[in-house]
Each structure stands twice: as C-alpha cells, then as structure tokens.
Amino acid sequence: MTKKEIRQYFKAKRMAIDGRDRLKMDDLLLLQFQQLDFTGIQKVMSYWPLTHLGEPNTLLFTRYLSHLLPDLDLAYPVTDFTTHILTAVRITEETIYQTKELGLTEPKAGDIIEPEELEVILVPMLCCDIDGYRVGYGKGFYDRYLSRCNPNVIRIGFSYFEPIEKITDRDQYDVPLTHCVTPDRIYEF
C-alpha cells in the first residue's frame, strides 16, 4: 500500500473504533508501554493526542513516564507551518497550551530542548510496517526532526493495529521507529 492509501484506510479504521473499545485499547497500550525499560532516561518528547482523529491517548504514557521518572525533562512539539520545522519545547506544570492548525495542542512558550539531547521520542502515526517505517499525516515534520536527532534516540509509535507488511513508497527521508506499541505486543525494529 502507498502512504496515501494507508492514510485513507487507517484514518477510517481508527475512527470506526467505539469509544469504550478505544478506552480499553488505550489501557492495553499503557500496559505494553510499561514493559519498556526507561532506566536512566532523562529527556523525552511526547505530544498531545489529536482526539478528533482517534489517536491513542498519549497523555497516559506521558503521565506514566512523569511518575516513573520524577526528574524527567519533558518536551512537547511546537510546529511552524511556514518553515515546516518542529521544535521540542520543555513543559512544566505551569505550561500554558494553545490549539493551533489542524487541532494541534502545543505549549505557548518554554525552553527548547535540542534534538540531539532527546533520548526518547513518542512519534505520532497512523500505522507502520514490519520494518518500523511509519505513515504519519503527510507533512514531514517528524521525519525532518528525527533526522536531526541522535541516531540512538528511542522512537516509539503507538497503534491500535498490527504493522502492515510494507509501505511501498517509502523514501530516503523516512526515519523508522525503534518500537511500535500495540494493544497485544511491542514490536522492536
């Protein structure tokens, strides 16, 4: 399947999930996520879920990490649709958020964490293939950002569905995940 076909198919498939089933699946995703080893991790970038697009509830995973790692330095992305640049902005309990283009909820202000400093990045996606390549929303923000990160950064995607066999039109700019968490298991690439 091509990225365009995958986007169309998985957007519809994800939106067809009943609210109760989605809550159960989010709990199962959290249980799987808790199996990962975060020993020594200090800098993480997460993101606010796009609930209107049926994304998994990343707030659960972020809260878990904050509880597990009390000294965690946590960032959320800020997107610039003019330059197509994503920036990791440190958040705190006092952070004020704003909702921007495409319904993205982002910090209004904060200190920047440089890409090479991050150790774990939670990456939004619609699906991935068995090689860890993902399909996002088609703007390229994350692939450009991930290419600037330390090559050893842990890149975790969350999906209600198992990986597909192959994304047929991946290219040299696509950066694969290191892990995909599904309700049933964790895939490591």
N, C-alpha and C. Protein backbone atom coordinates (compact mmCIF):
# COMPACT_ATOMS: atom_id res chain seq x y z
N MET A 1 0.84 -1.19 0.00
CA MET A 1 0.00 0.00 0.00
C MET A 1 0.88 1.25 0.00
N THR A 2 0.41 2.30 -0.65
CA THR A 2 1.13 3.57 -0.65
C THR A 2 0.74 4.37 0.60
N LYS A 3 1.53 5.39 0.91
CA LYS A 3 1.24 6.23 2.07
C LYS A 3 -0.15 6.85 1.97
N LYS A 4 -0.50 7.30 0.78
CA LYS A 4 -1.82 7.91 0.59
C LYS A 4 -2.94 6.91 0.88
N GLU A 5 -2.80 5.70 0.36
CA GLU A 5 -3.81 4.65 0.60
C GLU A 5 -3.86 4.29 2.08
N ILE A 6 -2.69 4.20 2.71
CA ILE A 6 -2.62 3.86 4.13
C ILE A 6 -3.30 4.93 4.98
N ARG A 7 -3.02 6.20 4.67
CA ARG A 7 -3.65 7.29 5.42
C ARG A 7 -5.17 7.19 5.37
N GLN A 8 -5.68 7.02 4.18
CA GLN A 8 -7.13 6.95 4.00
C GLN A 8 -7.72 5.75 4.75
N TYR A 9 -7.10 4.59 4.58
CA TYR A 9 -7.62 3.37 5.19
C TYR A 9 -7.55 3.42 6.72
N PHE A 10 -6.39 3.80 7.26
CA PHE A 10 -6.22 3.75 8.71
C PHE A 10 -6.91 4.90 9.44
N LYS A 11 -7.08 6.04 8.79
CA LYS A 11 -7.88 7.10 9.42
C LYS A 11 -9.30 6.61 9.63
N ALA A 12 -9.87 6.01 8.60
CA ALA A 12 -11.25 5.49 8.69
C ALA A 12 -11.33 4.35 9.70
N LYS A 13 -10.37 3.44 9.66
CA LYS A 13 -10.38 2.28 10.57
C LYS A 13 -10.27 2.74 12.02
N ARG A 14 -9.41 3.72 12.27
CA ARG A 14 -9.23 4.20 13.64
C ARG A 14 -10.49 4.93 14.13
N MET A 15 -11.12 5.71 13.26
CA MET A 15 -12.32 6.45 13.65
C MET A 15 -13.51 5.52 13.88
N ALA A 16 -13.47 4.33 13.33
CA ALA A 16 -14.57 3.37 13.49
C ALA A 16 -14.53 2.68 14.86
N ILE A 17 -13.48 2.88 15.62
CA ILE A 17 -13.38 2.23 16.93
C ILE A 17 -14.34 2.91 17.90
N ASP A 18 -15.16 2.11 18.54
CA ASP A 18 -16.12 2.59 19.54
C ASP A 18 -15.38 3.22 20.73
N GLY A 19 -15.97 4.22 21.36
CA GLY A 19 -15.35 4.91 22.49
C GLY A 19 -14.92 4.00 23.62
N ARG A 20 -15.77 3.06 23.99
CA ARG A 20 -15.41 2.11 25.07
C ARG A 20 -14.23 1.23 24.66
N ASP A 21 -14.28 0.77 23.42
CA ASP A 21 -13.18 -0.06 22.92
C ASP A 21 -11.87 0.73 22.89
N ARG A 22 -11.97 2.00 22.53
CA ARG A 22 -10.78 2.86 22.49
C ARG A 22 -10.17 3.00 23.88
N LEU A 23 -11.00 3.18 24.90
CA LEU A 23 -10.50 3.28 26.27
C LEU A 23 -9.80 2.00 26.69
N LYS A 24 -10.38 0.85 26.35
CA LYS A 24 -9.75 -0.44 26.67
C LYS A 24 -8.42 -0.59 25.95
N MET A 25 -8.42 -0.21 24.68
CA MET A 25 -7.19 -0.34 23.90
C MET A 25 -6.10 0.60 24.42
N ASP A 26 -6.48 1.81 24.85
CA ASP A 26 -5.50 2.72 25.44
C ASP A 26 -4.90 2.12 26.71
N ASP A 27 -5.75 1.47 27.53
CA ASP A 27 -5.24 0.81 28.74
C ASP A 27 -4.27 -0.32 28.38
N LEU A 28 -4.60 -1.08 27.34
CA LEU A 28 -3.72 -2.16 26.91
C LEU A 28 -2.40 -1.60 26.34
N LEU A 29 -2.49 -0.49 25.63
CA LEU A 29 -1.27 0.16 25.13
C LEU A 29 -0.38 0.58 26.30
N LEU A 30 -1.01 1.14 27.34
CA LEU A 30 -0.24 1.56 28.51
C LEU A 30 0.42 0.36 29.19
N LEU A 31 -0.30 -0.75 29.32
CA LEU A 31 0.29 -1.95 29.93
C LEU A 31 1.50 -2.43 29.13
N GLN A 32 1.40 -2.40 27.82
CA GLN A 32 2.53 -2.80 26.98
C GLN A 32 3.69 -1.80 27.14
N PHE A 33 3.37 -0.51 27.11
CA PHE A 33 4.37 0.55 27.23
C PHE A 33 5.15 0.41 28.54
N GLN A 34 4.48 0.00 29.59
CA GLN A 34 5.12 -0.15 30.91
C GLN A 34 6.15 -1.29 30.92
N GLN A 35 6.16 -2.12 29.88
CA GLN A 35 7.13 -3.21 29.81
C GLN A 35 8.50 -2.73 29.30
N LEU A 36 8.53 -1.54 28.72
CA LEU A 36 9.79 -1.00 28.20
C LEU A 36 10.66 -0.52 29.35
N ASP A 37 11.96 -0.58 29.17
CA ASP A 37 12.92 -0.16 30.19
C ASP A 37 13.33 1.29 29.96
N PHE A 38 12.98 2.15 30.89
CA PHE A 38 13.31 3.57 30.80
C PHE A 38 14.38 3.97 31.82
N THR A 39 15.12 3.01 32.31
CA THR A 39 16.19 3.27 33.27
C THR A 39 17.18 4.29 32.70
N GLY A 40 17.45 5.33 33.47
CA GLY A 40 18.44 6.33 33.08
C GLY A 40 17.95 7.37 32.09
N ILE A 41 16.72 7.27 31.64
CA ILE A 41 16.18 8.24 30.68
C ILE A 41 15.88 9.56 31.40
N GLN A 42 16.27 10.66 30.77
CA GLN A 42 16.04 11.98 31.39
C GLN A 42 15.30 12.95 30.49
N LYS A 43 15.43 12.81 29.16
CA LYS A 43 14.82 13.78 28.24
C LYS A 43 13.93 13.05 27.23
N VAL A 44 12.64 13.42 27.26
CA VAL A 44 11.63 12.76 26.43
C VAL A 44 10.77 13.82 25.74
N MET A 45 10.43 13.57 24.48
CA MET A 45 9.43 14.40 23.81
C MET A 45 8.20 13.54 23.55
N SER A 46 7.06 14.02 24.03
CA SER A 46 5.78 13.36 23.79
C SER A 46 4.97 14.30 22.90
N TYR A 47 3.67 14.14 22.86
CA TYR A 47 2.80 15.05 22.11
C TYR A 47 1.38 14.92 22.64
N TRP A 48 0.59 15.95 22.43
CA TRP A 48 -0.82 15.96 22.83
C TRP A 48 -1.60 15.20 21.76
N PRO A 49 -2.43 14.22 22.15
CA PRO A 49 -3.14 13.42 21.14
C PRO A 49 -4.22 14.22 20.41
N LEU A 50 -4.37 13.92 19.14
CA LEU A 50 -5.44 14.52 18.34
C LEU A 50 -6.67 13.63 18.49
N THR A 51 -7.45 13.90 19.51
CA THR A 51 -8.60 13.03 19.79
C THR A 51 -9.62 13.06 18.66
N HIS A 52 -9.72 14.19 17.95
CA HIS A 52 -10.67 14.26 16.83
C HIS A 52 -10.25 13.36 15.66
N LEU A 53 -9.00 12.87 15.69
CA LEU A 53 -8.54 11.92 14.68
C LEU A 53 -8.36 10.51 15.26
N GLY A 54 -8.85 10.31 16.49
CA GLY A 54 -8.83 8.99 17.09
C GLY A 54 -7.45 8.50 17.51
N GLU A 55 -6.52 9.41 17.77
CA GLU A 55 -5.18 8.98 18.19
C GLU A 55 -5.21 8.33 19.57
N PRO A 56 -4.29 7.40 19.81
CA PRO A 56 -4.15 6.85 21.16
C PRO A 56 -3.87 7.95 22.17
N ASN A 57 -4.30 7.74 23.40
CA ASN A 57 -4.18 8.75 24.45
C ASN A 57 -2.76 8.80 25.01
N THR A 58 -1.91 9.58 24.37
CA THR A 58 -0.51 9.70 24.79
C THR A 58 -0.37 10.36 26.16
N LEU A 59 -1.40 11.03 26.63
CA LEU A 59 -1.33 11.64 27.97
C LEU A 59 -1.14 10.55 29.03
N LEU A 60 -1.70 9.37 28.81
CA LEU A 60 -1.50 8.24 29.73
C LEU A 60 -0.02 7.85 29.80
N PHE A 61 0.63 7.80 28.65
CA PHE A 61 2.03 7.38 28.59
C PHE A 61 2.93 8.45 29.19
N THR A 62 2.60 9.69 28.92
CA THR A 62 3.38 10.80 29.45
C THR A 62 3.27 10.87 30.97
N ARG A 63 2.06 10.68 31.49
CA ARG A 63 1.87 10.68 32.96
C ARG A 63 2.64 9.53 33.60
N TYR A 64 2.59 8.37 32.96
CA TYR A 64 3.33 7.22 33.47
C TYR A 64 4.82 7.54 33.56
N LEU A 65 5.39 8.08 32.49
CA LEU A 65 6.81 8.42 32.49
C LEU A 65 7.14 9.47 33.55
N SER A 66 6.27 10.45 33.71
CA SER A 66 6.50 11.50 34.71
C SER A 66 6.49 10.92 36.13
N HIS A 67 5.63 9.94 36.36
CA HIS A 67 5.57 9.29 37.67
C HIS A 67 6.79 8.38 37.87
N LEU A 68 7.14 7.63 36.84
CA LEU A 68 8.25 6.69 36.91
C LEU A 68 9.59 7.41 37.06
N LEU A 69 9.73 8.54 36.37
CA LEU A 69 10.99 9.28 36.33
C LEU A 69 10.77 10.69 36.88
N PRO A 70 10.83 10.88 38.20
CA PRO A 70 10.50 12.18 38.80
C PRO A 70 11.34 13.35 38.29
N ASP A 71 12.56 13.09 37.84
CA ASP A 71 13.41 14.17 37.33
C ASP A 71 13.34 14.30 35.81
N LEU A 72 12.30 13.74 35.22
CA LEU A 72 12.15 13.75 33.77
C LEU A 72 12.07 15.17 33.22
N ASP A 73 12.81 15.40 32.16
CA ASP A 73 12.75 16.63 31.39
C ASP A 73 11.86 16.33 30.20
N LEU A 74 10.64 16.86 30.20
CA LEU A 74 9.63 16.50 29.21
C LEU A 74 9.37 17.67 28.27
N ALA A 75 9.27 17.36 26.99
CA ALA A 75 9.01 18.37 25.97
C ALA A 75 7.82 17.94 25.13
N TYR A 76 7.15 18.95 24.56
CA TYR A 76 6.11 18.73 23.55
C TYR A 76 6.54 19.47 22.30
N PRO A 77 6.11 19.01 21.14
CA PRO A 77 6.50 19.68 19.90
C PRO A 77 5.72 20.97 19.67
N VAL A 78 6.40 21.91 19.03
CA VAL A 78 5.77 23.12 18.51
C VAL A 78 6.08 23.14 17.02
N THR A 79 5.05 23.26 16.21
CA THR A 79 5.20 23.19 14.76
C THR A 79 5.09 24.58 14.14
N ASP A 80 5.90 24.82 13.12
CA ASP A 80 5.83 26.06 12.35
C ASP A 80 5.45 25.65 10.93
N PHE A 81 4.21 25.96 10.55
CA PHE A 81 3.72 25.53 9.24
C PHE A 81 4.27 26.37 8.10
N THR A 82 4.94 27.47 8.41
CA THR A 82 5.57 28.27 7.37
C THR A 82 6.90 27.65 6.97
N THR A 83 7.71 27.26 7.96
CA THR A 83 9.03 26.69 7.69
C THR A 83 9.02 25.16 7.71
N HIS A 84 7.94 24.56 8.17
CA HIS A 84 7.83 23.11 8.35
C HIS A 84 8.87 22.58 9.33
N ILE A 85 9.17 23.38 10.34
CA ILE A 85 10.14 22.99 11.36
C ILE A 85 9.40 22.67 12.66
N LEU A 86 9.82 21.61 13.30
CA LEU A 86 9.29 21.19 14.59
C LEU A 86 10.36 21.50 15.65
N THR A 87 9.93 22.00 16.80
CA THR A 87 10.83 22.31 17.90
C THR A 87 10.32 21.63 19.16
N ALA A 88 11.22 21.06 19.95
CA ALA A 88 10.85 20.44 21.23
C ALA A 88 10.91 21.52 22.31
N VAL A 89 9.76 21.79 22.94
CA VAL A 89 9.68 22.82 23.97
C VAL A 89 9.40 22.16 25.31
N ARG A 90 10.26 22.45 26.27
CA ARG A 90 10.15 21.89 27.63
C ARG A 90 8.82 22.34 28.25
N ILE A 91 8.14 21.39 28.89
CA ILE A 91 6.88 21.71 29.58
C ILE A 91 7.06 21.49 31.08
N THR A 92 6.22 22.19 31.84
CA THR A 92 6.17 22.06 33.29
C THR A 92 4.70 22.07 33.69
N GLU A 93 4.44 21.98 34.98
CA GLU A 93 3.04 22.05 35.45
C GLU A 93 2.42 23.42 35.16
N GLU A 94 3.25 24.45 34.99
CA GLU A 94 2.75 25.80 34.73
C GLU A 94 2.60 26.11 33.24
N THR A 95 2.94 25.18 32.38
CA THR A 95 2.88 25.43 30.94
C THR A 95 1.46 25.75 30.50
N ILE A 96 1.36 26.78 29.67
CA ILE A 96 0.09 27.16 29.05
C ILE A 96 0.10 26.64 27.62
N TYR A 97 -1.00 26.02 27.22
CA TYR A 97 -1.09 25.41 25.90
C TYR A 97 -2.03 26.21 25.01
N GLN A 98 -1.83 26.06 23.71
CA GLN A 98 -2.73 26.65 22.73
C GLN A 98 -3.03 25.63 21.65
N THR A 99 -4.20 25.73 21.05
CA THR A 99 -4.56 24.84 19.96
C THR A 99 -4.37 25.60 18.66
N LYS A 100 -3.59 25.00 17.77
CA LYS A 100 -3.22 25.67 16.52
C LYS A 100 -3.78 24.92 15.32
N GLU A 101 -3.13 25.12 14.17
CA GLU A 101 -3.55 24.50 12.92
C GLU A 101 -3.73 22.99 13.09
N LEU A 102 -4.71 22.48 12.39
CA LEU A 102 -5.04 21.04 12.38
C LEU A 102 -5.42 20.50 13.76
N GLY A 103 -5.71 21.40 14.72
CA GLY A 103 -6.11 20.97 16.05
C GLY A 103 -4.96 20.57 16.94
N LEU A 104 -3.73 20.96 16.59
CA LEU A 104 -2.55 20.62 17.39
C LEU A 104 -2.51 21.44 18.67
N THR A 105 -2.45 20.77 19.82
CA THR A 105 -2.31 21.44 21.10
C THR A 105 -0.83 21.44 21.46
N GLU A 106 -0.29 22.66 21.63
CA GLU A 106 1.14 22.84 21.83
C GLU A 106 1.41 23.86 22.93
N PRO A 107 2.60 23.79 23.54
CA PRO A 107 2.95 24.80 24.53
C PRO A 107 3.06 26.17 23.87
N LYS A 108 2.58 27.21 24.58
CA LYS A 108 2.70 28.57 24.05
C LYS A 108 4.13 29.07 24.10
N ALA A 109 4.86 28.65 25.12
CA ALA A 109 6.24 29.11 25.30
C ALA A 109 6.98 28.10 26.16
N GLY A 110 8.29 28.23 26.18
CA GLY A 110 9.13 27.37 27.01
C GLY A 110 10.52 27.26 26.44
N ASP A 111 11.41 26.69 27.22
CA ASP A 111 12.78 26.48 26.77
C ASP A 111 12.83 25.36 25.74
N ILE A 112 13.76 25.49 24.82
CA ILE A 112 13.92 24.48 23.78
C ILE A 112 14.88 23.39 24.25
N ILE A 113 14.52 22.14 23.98
CA ILE A 113 15.44 21.02 24.15
C ILE A 113 15.93 20.67 22.75
N GLU A 114 17.22 20.66 22.57
CA GLU A 114 17.80 20.39 21.25
C GLU A 114 17.54 18.94 20.83
N PRO A 115 17.38 18.70 19.53
CA PRO A 115 17.07 17.34 19.06
C PRO A 115 18.07 16.28 19.52
N GLU A 116 19.35 16.61 19.52
CA GLU A 116 20.35 15.62 19.89
C GLU A 116 20.37 15.31 21.38
N GLU A 117 19.66 16.10 22.20
CA GLU A 117 19.60 15.85 23.64
C GLU A 117 18.54 14.83 24.02
N LEU A 118 17.53 14.66 23.18
CA LEU A 118 16.42 13.78 23.49
C LEU A 118 16.85 12.32 23.47
N GLU A 119 16.30 11.55 24.41
CA GLU A 119 16.62 10.12 24.50
C GLU A 119 15.46 9.24 24.05
N VAL A 120 14.23 9.76 24.20
CA VAL A 120 13.02 9.04 23.79
C VAL A 120 12.09 10.05 23.12
N ILE A 121 11.51 9.64 21.99
CA ILE A 121 10.51 10.47 21.31
C ILE A 121 9.29 9.60 21.03
N LEU A 122 8.13 10.05 21.51
CA LEU A 122 6.86 9.40 21.17
C LEU A 122 6.42 10.02 19.86
N VAL A 123 6.25 9.19 18.84
CA VAL A 123 6.04 9.67 17.48
C VAL A 123 4.61 9.37 17.02
N PRO A 124 3.87 10.40 16.59
CA PRO A 124 2.52 10.13 16.10
C PRO A 124 2.55 9.38 14.77
N MET A 125 1.52 8.57 14.56
CA MET A 125 1.46 7.80 13.31
C MET A 125 0.06 7.24 13.11
N LEU A 126 -0.19 6.84 11.89
CA LEU A 126 -1.42 6.13 11.57
C LEU A 126 -1.17 4.63 11.56
N CYS A 127 -0.02 4.22 11.05
CA CYS A 127 0.39 2.82 11.09
C CYS A 127 1.86 2.73 10.74
N CYS A 128 2.41 1.53 10.87
CA CYS A 128 3.79 1.30 10.46
C CYS A 128 3.87 -0.06 9.77
N ASP A 129 5.01 -0.28 9.14
CA ASP A 129 5.21 -1.58 8.51
C ASP A 129 6.14 -2.44 9.37
N ILE A 130 6.38 -3.66 8.94
CA ILE A 130 7.16 -4.60 9.76
C ILE A 130 8.64 -4.23 9.84
N ASP A 131 9.06 -3.21 9.10
CA ASP A 131 10.43 -2.70 9.19
C ASP A 131 10.53 -1.45 10.07
N GLY A 132 9.38 -1.00 10.62
CA GLY A 132 9.37 0.15 11.51
C GLY A 132 9.13 1.48 10.82
N TYR A 133 8.94 1.47 9.50
CA TYR A 133 8.65 2.72 8.81
C TYR A 133 7.18 3.07 9.05
N ARG A 134 6.93 4.34 9.32
CA ARG A 134 5.60 4.77 9.71
C ARG A 134 4.96 5.68 8.67
N VAL A 135 3.66 5.75 8.76
CA VAL A 135 2.91 6.72 7.98
C VAL A 135 2.27 7.67 8.97
N GLY A 136 2.62 8.95 8.82
CA GLY A 136 2.03 9.99 9.66
C GLY A 136 0.96 10.70 8.86
N TYR A 137 0.89 12.01 9.05
CA TYR A 137 -0.16 12.79 8.40
C TYR A 137 0.30 13.49 7.13
N GLY A 138 1.54 13.25 6.72
CA GLY A 138 1.98 13.69 5.40
C GLY A 138 2.67 15.04 5.32
N LYS A 139 2.93 15.67 6.44
CA LYS A 139 3.59 16.98 6.41
C LYS A 139 5.10 16.88 6.55
N GLY A 140 5.61 15.74 7.03
CA GLY A 140 7.05 15.52 7.12
C GLY A 140 7.74 16.13 8.32
N PHE A 141 6.97 16.71 9.25
CA PHE A 141 7.58 17.36 10.42
C PHE A 141 8.47 16.40 11.20
N TYR A 142 7.95 15.22 11.49
CA TYR A 142 8.69 14.29 12.35
C TYR A 142 9.88 13.67 11.64
N ASP A 143 9.76 13.30 10.39
CA ASP A 143 10.92 12.73 9.70
C ASP A 143 12.06 13.74 9.62
N ARG A 144 11.74 15.00 9.34
CA ARG A 144 12.79 16.03 9.31
C ARG A 144 13.41 16.19 10.69
N TYR A 145 12.56 16.18 11.73
CA TYR A 145 13.07 16.35 13.09
C TYR A 145 13.92 15.15 13.51
N LEU A 146 13.42 13.95 13.28
CA LEU A 146 14.14 12.73 13.68
C LEU A 146 15.49 12.62 12.99
N SER A 147 15.60 13.15 11.79
CA SER A 147 16.89 13.09 11.09
C SER A 147 17.94 13.98 11.77
N ARG A 148 17.51 14.90 12.62
CA ARG A 148 18.43 15.78 13.34
C ARG A 148 18.77 15.25 14.73
N CYS A 149 18.13 14.18 15.15
CA CYS A 149 18.33 13.63 16.49
C CYS A 149 19.52 12.68 16.52
N ASN A 150 19.94 12.36 17.73
CA ASN A 150 20.95 11.33 17.93
C ASN A 150 20.43 10.04 17.28
N PRO A 151 21.25 9.36 16.50
CA PRO A 151 20.76 8.13 15.84
C PRO A 151 20.29 7.05 16.82
N ASN A 152 20.73 7.14 18.08
CA ASN A 152 20.34 6.14 19.08
C ASN A 152 19.08 6.52 19.85
N VAL A 153 18.44 7.63 19.49
CA VAL A 153 17.22 8.02 20.19
C VAL A 153 16.17 6.93 20.02
N ILE A 154 15.45 6.64 21.07
CA ILE A 154 14.37 5.65 21.04
C ILE A 154 13.14 6.32 20.45
N ARG A 155 12.62 5.75 19.36
CA ARG A 155 11.48 6.33 18.64
C ARG A 155 10.30 5.36 18.75
N ILE A 156 9.30 5.76 19.53
CA ILE A 156 8.18 4.86 19.85
C ILE A 156 6.89 5.38 19.21
N GLY A 157 6.25 4.53 18.45
CA GLY A 157 4.93 4.82 17.90
C GLY A 157 3.89 3.95 18.58
N PHE A 158 2.64 4.40 18.56
CA PHE A 158 1.53 3.66 19.18
C PHE A 158 0.47 3.41 18.12
N SER A 159 -0.02 2.18 18.08
CA SER A 159 -1.03 1.83 17.09
C SER A 159 -2.04 0.87 17.69
N TYR A 160 -3.29 1.07 17.34
CA TYR A 160 -4.33 0.12 17.73
C TYR A 160 -4.27 -1.14 16.87
N PHE A 161 -3.47 -1.09 15.80
CA PHE A 161 -3.42 -2.17 14.82
C PHE A 161 -2.00 -2.70 14.66
N GLU A 162 -1.91 -3.93 14.20
CA GLU A 162 -0.61 -4.56 13.96
C GLU A 162 0.04 -3.90 12.73
N PRO A 163 1.38 -3.95 12.63
CA PRO A 163 2.05 -3.40 11.45
C PRO A 163 1.61 -4.10 10.17
N ILE A 164 1.66 -3.34 9.09
CA ILE A 164 1.37 -3.92 7.78
C ILE A 164 2.66 -4.50 7.21
N GLU A 165 2.55 -5.22 6.12
CA GLU A 165 3.73 -5.88 5.53
C GLU A 165 4.76 -4.85 5.05
N LYS A 166 4.33 -3.89 4.22
CA LYS A 166 5.31 -2.92 3.70
C LYS A 166 4.61 -1.67 3.18
N ILE A 167 5.22 -0.54 3.46
CA ILE A 167 4.82 0.73 2.84
C ILE A 167 5.57 0.78 1.52
N THR A 168 4.86 0.78 0.41
CA THR A 168 5.51 0.60 -0.88
C THR A 168 6.24 1.83 -1.39
N ASP A 169 5.89 3.01 -0.90
CA ASP A 169 6.55 4.22 -1.41
C ASP A 169 7.38 4.94 -0.36
N ARG A 170 8.02 4.19 0.55
CA ARG A 170 8.90 4.87 1.48
C ARG A 170 10.12 5.39 0.72
N ASP A 171 10.77 6.41 1.31
CA ASP A 171 11.91 7.01 0.61
C ASP A 171 13.07 7.25 1.58
N GLN A 172 14.14 7.84 1.07
CA GLN A 172 15.36 8.01 1.87
C GLN A 172 15.19 9.00 3.02
N TYR A 173 14.13 9.79 3.02
CA TYR A 173 13.90 10.75 4.09
C TYR A 173 13.11 10.16 5.26
N ASP A 174 12.53 9.00 5.06
CA ASP A 174 11.74 8.36 6.12
C ASP A 174 12.67 7.79 7.19
N VAL A 175 12.34 8.08 8.44
CA VAL A 175 13.13 7.59 9.57
C VAL A 175 12.28 6.55 10.30
N PRO A 176 12.77 5.31 10.41
CA PRO A 176 11.96 4.27 11.05
C PRO A 176 11.88 4.42 12.57
N LEU A 177 10.85 3.84 13.12
CA LEU A 177 10.70 3.74 14.57
C LEU A 177 11.70 2.71 15.10
N THR A 178 11.94 2.76 16.40
CA THR A 178 12.67 1.67 17.04
C THR A 178 11.69 0.70 17.69
N HIS A 179 10.48 1.20 18.02
CA HIS A 179 9.45 0.39 18.67
C HIS A 179 8.07 0.82 18.19
N CYS A 180 7.18 -0.14 18.10
CA CYS A 180 5.75 0.14 17.90
C CYS A 180 5.00 -0.61 18.99
N VAL A 181 4.22 0.13 19.76
CA VAL A 181 3.44 -0.47 20.84
C VAL A 181 2.01 -0.66 20.33
N THR A 182 1.53 -1.89 20.40
CA THR A 182 0.14 -2.19 20.05
C THR A 182 -0.54 -2.74 21.31
N PRO A 183 -1.86 -2.90 21.31
CA PRO A 183 -2.52 -3.46 22.49
C PRO A 183 -2.06 -4.87 22.85
N ASP A 184 -1.54 -5.61 21.86
CA ASP A 184 -1.16 -7.00 22.10
C ASP A 184 0.32 -7.24 22.33
N ARG A 185 1.16 -6.34 21.82
CA ARG A 185 2.61 -6.58 21.95
C ARG A 185 3.41 -5.34 21.59
N ILE A 186 4.71 -5.46 21.82
CA ILE A 186 5.66 -4.41 21.41
C ILE A 186 6.50 -4.98 20.27
N TYR A 187 6.55 -4.23 19.18
CA TYR A 187 7.42 -4.60 18.06
C TYR A 187 8.71 -3.80 18.21
N GLU A 188 9.83 -4.48 18.07
CA GLU A 188 11.13 -3.82 18.14
C GLU A 188 11.80 -3.95 16.79
N PHE A 189 12.28 -2.83 16.26
CA PHE A 189 12.86 -2.82 14.91
C PHE A 189 14.35 -2.57 14.96
